[in-house]
Amino acid sequence: MKIKPGVTLVGLQLPMRKVLLEANRIWSELGQELVITSGLDGTHSPGSMHYYGYALDMRTRDFADNGREACSRLRSALSPAYFVQLESNHIHVSYQFEYTERR
């Protein structure tokens, strides 16, 4: 696993550690190295879970399918408490409090 220079993971919350473990396993199975492109750093939409340590972005440009298979596998590996979204150049994963509060 690589962390892009400038990415901050200090303050990453416990539920996101599962994301790192599963993503690293999936990327390895697909013959790629996981690259974290955003954690608590960067500029995101207001209220983004990135600012609270409950979101990560992962690079997809190294996949021939732009990460569709990786996204699908990651979504299957994580519980519904995680929102997994394929963006134009990365996969965004965030922890969804509203899901866990309804249970």
N, C-alpha and C. Protein backbone atom coordinates (compact mmCIF):
# COMPACT_ATOMS: atom_id res chain seq x y z
N MET A 1 0.84 -1.17 0.00
CA MET A 1 0.00 0.00 0.00
C MET A 1 0.89 1.24 0.00
N LYS A 2 0.50 2.21 -0.81
CA LYS A 2 1.19 3.49 -0.85
C LYS A 2 0.23 4.59 -0.42
N ILE A 3 0.80 5.61 0.15
CA ILE A 3 0.03 6.80 0.50
C ILE A 3 0.61 7.95 -0.30
N LYS A 4 -0.21 8.57 -1.12
CA LYS A 4 0.23 9.67 -1.96
C LYS A 4 0.83 10.77 -1.08
N PRO A 5 1.95 11.36 -1.51
CA PRO A 5 2.54 12.45 -0.73
C PRO A 5 1.52 13.55 -0.43
N GLY A 6 1.50 13.99 0.81
CA GLY A 6 0.58 15.04 1.23
C GLY A 6 -0.71 14.53 1.83
N VAL A 7 -0.97 13.23 1.69
CA VAL A 7 -2.19 12.65 2.25
C VAL A 7 -2.02 12.49 3.76
N THR A 8 -3.05 12.86 4.51
CA THR A 8 -3.03 12.76 5.96
C THR A 8 -3.98 11.67 6.42
N LEU A 9 -3.42 10.69 7.13
CA LEU A 9 -4.25 9.63 7.72
C LEU A 9 -4.26 9.73 9.25
N VAL A 10 -3.53 10.68 9.80
CA VAL A 10 -3.55 10.89 11.24
C VAL A 10 -4.95 11.36 11.61
N GLY A 11 -5.60 10.63 12.49
CA GLY A 11 -6.98 10.94 12.87
C GLY A 11 -8.00 10.06 12.15
N LEU A 12 -7.53 9.13 11.32
CA LEU A 12 -8.44 8.21 10.64
C LEU A 12 -9.17 7.38 11.70
N GLN A 13 -10.45 7.30 11.60
CA GLN A 13 -11.27 6.62 12.59
C GLN A 13 -11.25 5.10 12.40
N LEU A 14 -11.48 4.39 13.49
CA LEU A 14 -11.39 2.93 13.52
C LEU A 14 -12.18 2.22 12.41
N PRO A 15 -13.43 2.60 12.11
CA PRO A 15 -14.14 1.88 11.04
C PRO A 15 -13.45 1.93 9.68
N MET A 16 -12.61 2.95 9.45
CA MET A 16 -11.95 3.07 8.16
C MET A 16 -10.74 2.16 8.03
N ARG A 17 -10.27 1.62 9.11
CA ARG A 17 -9.14 0.69 9.04
C ARG A 17 -9.55 -0.59 8.32
N LYS A 18 -10.80 -1.00 8.48
CA LYS A 18 -11.31 -2.17 7.75
C LYS A 18 -11.26 -1.90 6.24
N VAL A 19 -11.56 -0.69 5.85
CA VAL A 19 -11.51 -0.31 4.43
C VAL A 19 -10.09 -0.49 3.89
N LEU A 20 -9.11 -0.01 4.64
CA LEU A 20 -7.72 -0.14 4.21
C LEU A 20 -7.32 -1.60 4.04
N LEU A 21 -7.70 -2.44 5.01
CA LEU A 21 -7.35 -3.87 4.94
C LEU A 21 -8.01 -4.55 3.75
N GLU A 22 -9.31 -4.33 3.57
CA GLU A 22 -10.03 -4.98 2.47
C GLU A 22 -9.56 -4.45 1.11
N ALA A 23 -9.38 -3.14 1.00
CA ALA A 23 -8.93 -2.57 -0.27
C ALA A 23 -7.54 -3.08 -0.63
N ASN A 24 -6.66 -3.15 0.34
CA ASN A 24 -5.30 -3.64 0.07
C ASN A 24 -5.35 -5.08 -0.44
N ARG A 25 -6.19 -5.90 0.17
CA ARG A 25 -6.34 -7.30 -0.26
C ARG A 25 -6.90 -7.37 -1.69
N ILE A 26 -7.93 -6.59 -1.96
CA ILE A 26 -8.59 -6.62 -3.27
C ILE A 26 -7.64 -6.12 -4.37
N TRP A 27 -6.98 -5.01 -4.12
CA TRP A 27 -6.05 -4.46 -5.12
C TRP A 27 -4.96 -5.50 -5.42
N SER A 28 -4.46 -6.15 -4.38
CA SER A 28 -3.42 -7.17 -4.56
C SER A 28 -3.95 -8.33 -5.41
N GLU A 29 -5.16 -8.78 -5.13
CA GLU A 29 -5.77 -9.86 -5.92
C GLU A 29 -5.91 -9.46 -7.38
N LEU A 30 -6.11 -8.17 -7.63
CA LEU A 30 -6.27 -7.67 -9.00
C LEU A 30 -4.94 -7.25 -9.63
N GLY A 31 -3.84 -7.52 -8.92
CA GLY A 31 -2.51 -7.25 -9.47
C GLY A 31 -2.09 -5.79 -9.43
N GLN A 32 -2.68 -5.01 -8.53
CA GLN A 32 -2.33 -3.60 -8.43
C GLN A 32 -1.91 -3.26 -7.00
N GLU A 33 -1.21 -2.16 -6.87
CA GLU A 33 -0.87 -1.67 -5.54
C GLU A 33 -1.88 -0.59 -5.15
N LEU A 34 -2.41 -0.71 -3.96
CA LEU A 34 -3.36 0.29 -3.46
C LEU A 34 -2.64 1.60 -3.22
N VAL A 35 -3.22 2.69 -3.74
CA VAL A 35 -2.69 4.03 -3.49
C VAL A 35 -3.82 4.86 -2.89
N ILE A 36 -3.60 5.34 -1.66
CA ILE A 36 -4.56 6.21 -0.99
C ILE A 36 -4.29 7.63 -1.46
N THR A 37 -5.31 8.28 -2.04
CA THR A 37 -5.13 9.62 -2.60
C THR A 37 -5.71 10.72 -1.74
N SER A 38 -6.53 10.36 -0.74
CA SER A 38 -7.05 11.37 0.17
C SER A 38 -7.56 10.71 1.44
N GLY A 39 -7.30 11.38 2.54
CA GLY A 39 -7.80 10.97 3.85
C GLY A 39 -8.42 12.18 4.50
N LEU A 40 -7.74 12.73 5.50
CA LEU A 40 -8.23 13.92 6.19
C LEU A 40 -7.72 15.21 5.55
N ASP A 41 -7.01 15.10 4.47
CA ASP A 41 -6.42 16.23 3.76
C ASP A 41 -7.32 16.70 2.63
N GLY A 42 -6.93 17.74 1.97
CA GLY A 42 -7.58 18.19 0.75
C GLY A 42 -8.84 19.01 0.99
N THR A 43 -9.45 19.39 -0.12
CA THR A 43 -10.68 20.16 -0.10
C THR A 43 -11.81 19.27 -0.58
N HIS A 44 -12.85 19.21 0.21
CA HIS A 44 -14.00 18.36 -0.10
C HIS A 44 -15.28 19.17 0.10
N SER A 45 -16.40 18.60 -0.24
CA SER A 45 -17.66 19.30 -0.09
C SER A 45 -17.93 19.60 1.40
N PRO A 46 -18.69 20.65 1.68
CA PRO A 46 -19.00 20.96 3.07
C PRO A 46 -19.65 19.76 3.77
N GLY A 47 -19.22 19.48 4.97
CA GLY A 47 -19.75 18.36 5.74
C GLY A 47 -19.19 17.01 5.35
N SER A 48 -18.20 17.00 4.46
CA SER A 48 -17.60 15.74 4.02
C SER A 48 -17.05 14.95 5.21
N MET A 49 -17.22 13.65 5.16
CA MET A 49 -16.71 12.79 6.22
C MET A 49 -15.18 12.72 6.20
N HIS A 50 -14.55 13.19 5.11
CA HIS A 50 -13.09 13.27 5.07
C HIS A 50 -12.57 14.10 6.24
N TYR A 51 -13.24 15.20 6.54
CA TYR A 51 -12.78 16.12 7.58
C TYR A 51 -12.83 15.51 8.98
N TYR A 52 -13.58 14.43 9.14
CA TYR A 52 -13.76 13.80 10.46
C TYR A 52 -13.05 12.45 10.57
N GLY A 53 -12.35 12.04 9.50
CA GLY A 53 -11.63 10.79 9.53
C GLY A 53 -12.47 9.58 9.18
N TYR A 54 -13.61 9.81 8.52
CA TYR A 54 -14.51 8.72 8.16
C TYR A 54 -14.65 8.55 6.64
N ALA A 55 -13.63 8.94 5.88
CA ALA A 55 -13.67 8.77 4.43
C ALA A 55 -12.26 8.63 3.87
N LEU A 56 -12.15 7.87 2.79
CA LEU A 56 -10.89 7.66 2.08
C LEU A 56 -11.16 7.66 0.59
N ASP A 57 -10.15 8.07 -0.18
CA ASP A 57 -10.18 7.96 -1.64
C ASP A 57 -9.02 7.10 -2.08
N MET A 58 -9.26 6.26 -3.09
CA MET A 58 -8.25 5.33 -3.59
C MET A 58 -8.13 5.44 -5.10
N ARG A 59 -6.92 5.45 -5.59
CA ARG A 59 -6.63 5.61 -7.02
C ARG A 59 -7.18 4.46 -7.85
N THR A 60 -7.69 4.81 -9.03
CA THR A 60 -8.21 3.79 -9.95
C THR A 60 -7.55 3.82 -11.32
N ARG A 61 -6.69 4.80 -11.58
CA ARG A 61 -6.16 4.96 -12.95
C ARG A 61 -5.30 3.81 -13.42
N ASP A 62 -4.84 2.97 -12.52
CA ASP A 62 -3.99 1.85 -12.93
C ASP A 62 -4.79 0.63 -13.40
N PHE A 63 -6.10 0.68 -13.25
CA PHE A 63 -6.95 -0.42 -13.69
C PHE A 63 -7.43 -0.19 -15.11
N ALA A 64 -7.43 -1.23 -15.93
CA ALA A 64 -7.90 -1.13 -17.31
C ALA A 64 -9.38 -0.74 -17.37
N ASP A 65 -10.16 -1.15 -16.35
CA ASP A 65 -11.59 -0.84 -16.33
C ASP A 65 -11.91 0.37 -15.46
N ASN A 66 -10.88 1.19 -15.17
CA ASN A 66 -11.00 2.39 -14.33
C ASN A 66 -11.49 2.09 -12.91
N GLY A 67 -11.34 0.84 -12.46
CA GLY A 67 -11.66 0.49 -11.08
C GLY A 67 -13.03 -0.09 -10.84
N ARG A 68 -13.76 -0.40 -11.90
CA ARG A 68 -15.13 -0.94 -11.72
C ARG A 68 -15.12 -2.25 -10.94
N GLU A 69 -14.22 -3.15 -11.28
CA GLU A 69 -14.15 -4.45 -10.60
C GLU A 69 -13.72 -4.25 -9.14
N ALA A 70 -12.73 -3.41 -8.92
CA ALA A 70 -12.26 -3.14 -7.55
C ALA A 70 -13.38 -2.53 -6.71
N CYS A 71 -14.12 -1.62 -7.29
CA CYS A 71 -15.23 -0.98 -6.59
C CYS A 71 -16.30 -2.00 -6.22
N SER A 72 -16.64 -2.85 -7.16
CA SER A 72 -17.64 -3.88 -6.92
C SER A 72 -17.21 -4.83 -5.81
N ARG A 73 -15.96 -5.26 -5.88
CA ARG A 73 -15.44 -6.18 -4.85
C ARG A 73 -15.39 -5.52 -3.47
N LEU A 74 -14.98 -4.27 -3.45
CA LEU A 74 -14.89 -3.56 -2.18
C LEU A 74 -16.28 -3.36 -1.57
N ARG A 75 -17.24 -3.00 -2.40
CA ARG A 75 -18.62 -2.84 -1.93
C ARG A 75 -19.14 -4.16 -1.35
N SER A 76 -18.82 -5.29 -1.98
CA SER A 76 -19.26 -6.60 -1.48
C SER A 76 -18.55 -7.00 -0.19
N ALA A 77 -17.30 -6.58 -0.04
CA ALA A 77 -16.50 -6.96 1.13
C ALA A 77 -16.89 -6.18 2.39
N LEU A 78 -17.45 -4.99 2.20
CA LEU A 78 -17.80 -4.14 3.33
C LEU A 78 -19.28 -4.24 3.64
N SER A 79 -19.64 -3.91 4.85
CA SER A 79 -21.06 -3.94 5.25
C SER A 79 -21.79 -2.75 4.63
N PRO A 80 -23.12 -2.77 4.65
CA PRO A 80 -23.89 -1.64 4.12
C PRO A 80 -23.68 -0.34 4.89
N ALA A 81 -22.97 -0.37 6.01
CA ALA A 81 -22.66 0.85 6.74
C ALA A 81 -21.63 1.70 6.00
N TYR A 82 -21.05 1.17 4.93
CA TYR A 82 -20.06 1.89 4.15
C TYR A 82 -20.65 2.28 2.80
N PHE A 83 -20.43 3.52 2.41
CA PHE A 83 -20.84 4.02 1.10
C PHE A 83 -19.61 3.93 0.20
N VAL A 84 -19.72 3.17 -0.88
CA VAL A 84 -18.60 2.96 -1.82
C VAL A 84 -19.04 3.50 -3.17
N GLN A 85 -18.30 4.50 -3.68
CA GLN A 85 -18.69 5.19 -4.90
C GLN A 85 -17.52 5.25 -5.87
N LEU A 86 -17.73 4.82 -7.10
CA LEU A 86 -16.72 4.97 -8.15
C LEU A 86 -16.86 6.36 -8.74
N GLU A 87 -15.81 7.16 -8.58
CA GLU A 87 -15.78 8.52 -9.14
C GLU A 87 -14.98 8.47 -10.44
N SER A 88 -14.74 9.61 -11.06
CA SER A 88 -14.06 9.63 -12.36
C SER A 88 -12.63 9.12 -12.28
N ASN A 89 -11.92 9.38 -11.17
CA ASN A 89 -10.52 8.96 -11.09
C ASN A 89 -10.15 8.32 -9.76
N HIS A 90 -11.15 7.95 -8.97
CA HIS A 90 -10.88 7.31 -7.68
C HIS A 90 -12.14 6.62 -7.16
N ILE A 91 -11.93 5.79 -6.15
CA ILE A 91 -13.05 5.20 -5.42
C ILE A 91 -13.11 5.92 -4.08
N HIS A 92 -14.29 6.41 -3.76
CA HIS A 92 -14.53 7.09 -2.50
C HIS A 92 -15.28 6.13 -1.58
N VAL A 93 -14.81 6.01 -0.34
CA VAL A 93 -15.49 5.18 0.66
C VAL A 93 -15.68 6.02 1.91
N SER A 94 -16.91 6.03 2.42
CA SER A 94 -17.16 6.72 3.67
C SER A 94 -18.03 5.86 4.57
N TYR A 95 -17.91 6.10 5.85
CA TYR A 95 -18.68 5.38 6.86
C TYR A 95 -19.97 6.14 7.08
N GLN A 96 -21.10 5.42 7.06
CA GLN A 96 -22.41 6.05 7.13
C GLN A 96 -23.04 5.89 8.51
N PHE A 97 -22.99 6.94 9.31
CA PHE A 97 -23.55 6.89 10.65
C PHE A 97 -25.05 6.65 10.63
N GLU A 98 -25.73 7.28 9.68
CA GLU A 98 -27.20 7.14 9.65
C GLU A 98 -27.63 5.68 9.46
N TYR A 99 -26.82 4.89 8.76
CA TYR A 99 -27.14 3.47 8.60
C TYR A 99 -27.04 2.75 9.95
N THR A 100 -25.98 3.00 10.67
CA THR A 100 -25.76 2.29 11.93
C THR A 100 -26.74 2.76 12.99
N GLU A 101 -27.19 4.01 12.94
CA GLU A 101 -28.13 4.52 13.93
C GLU A 101 -29.52 3.95 13.74
N ARG A 102 -29.90 3.56 12.53
CA ARG A 102 -31.23 3.00 12.27
C ARG A 102 -31.35 1.56 12.70
N ARG A 103 -30.25 0.88 12.87
CA ARG A 103 -30.29 -0.55 13.16
C ARG A 103 -30.72 -0.86 14.54
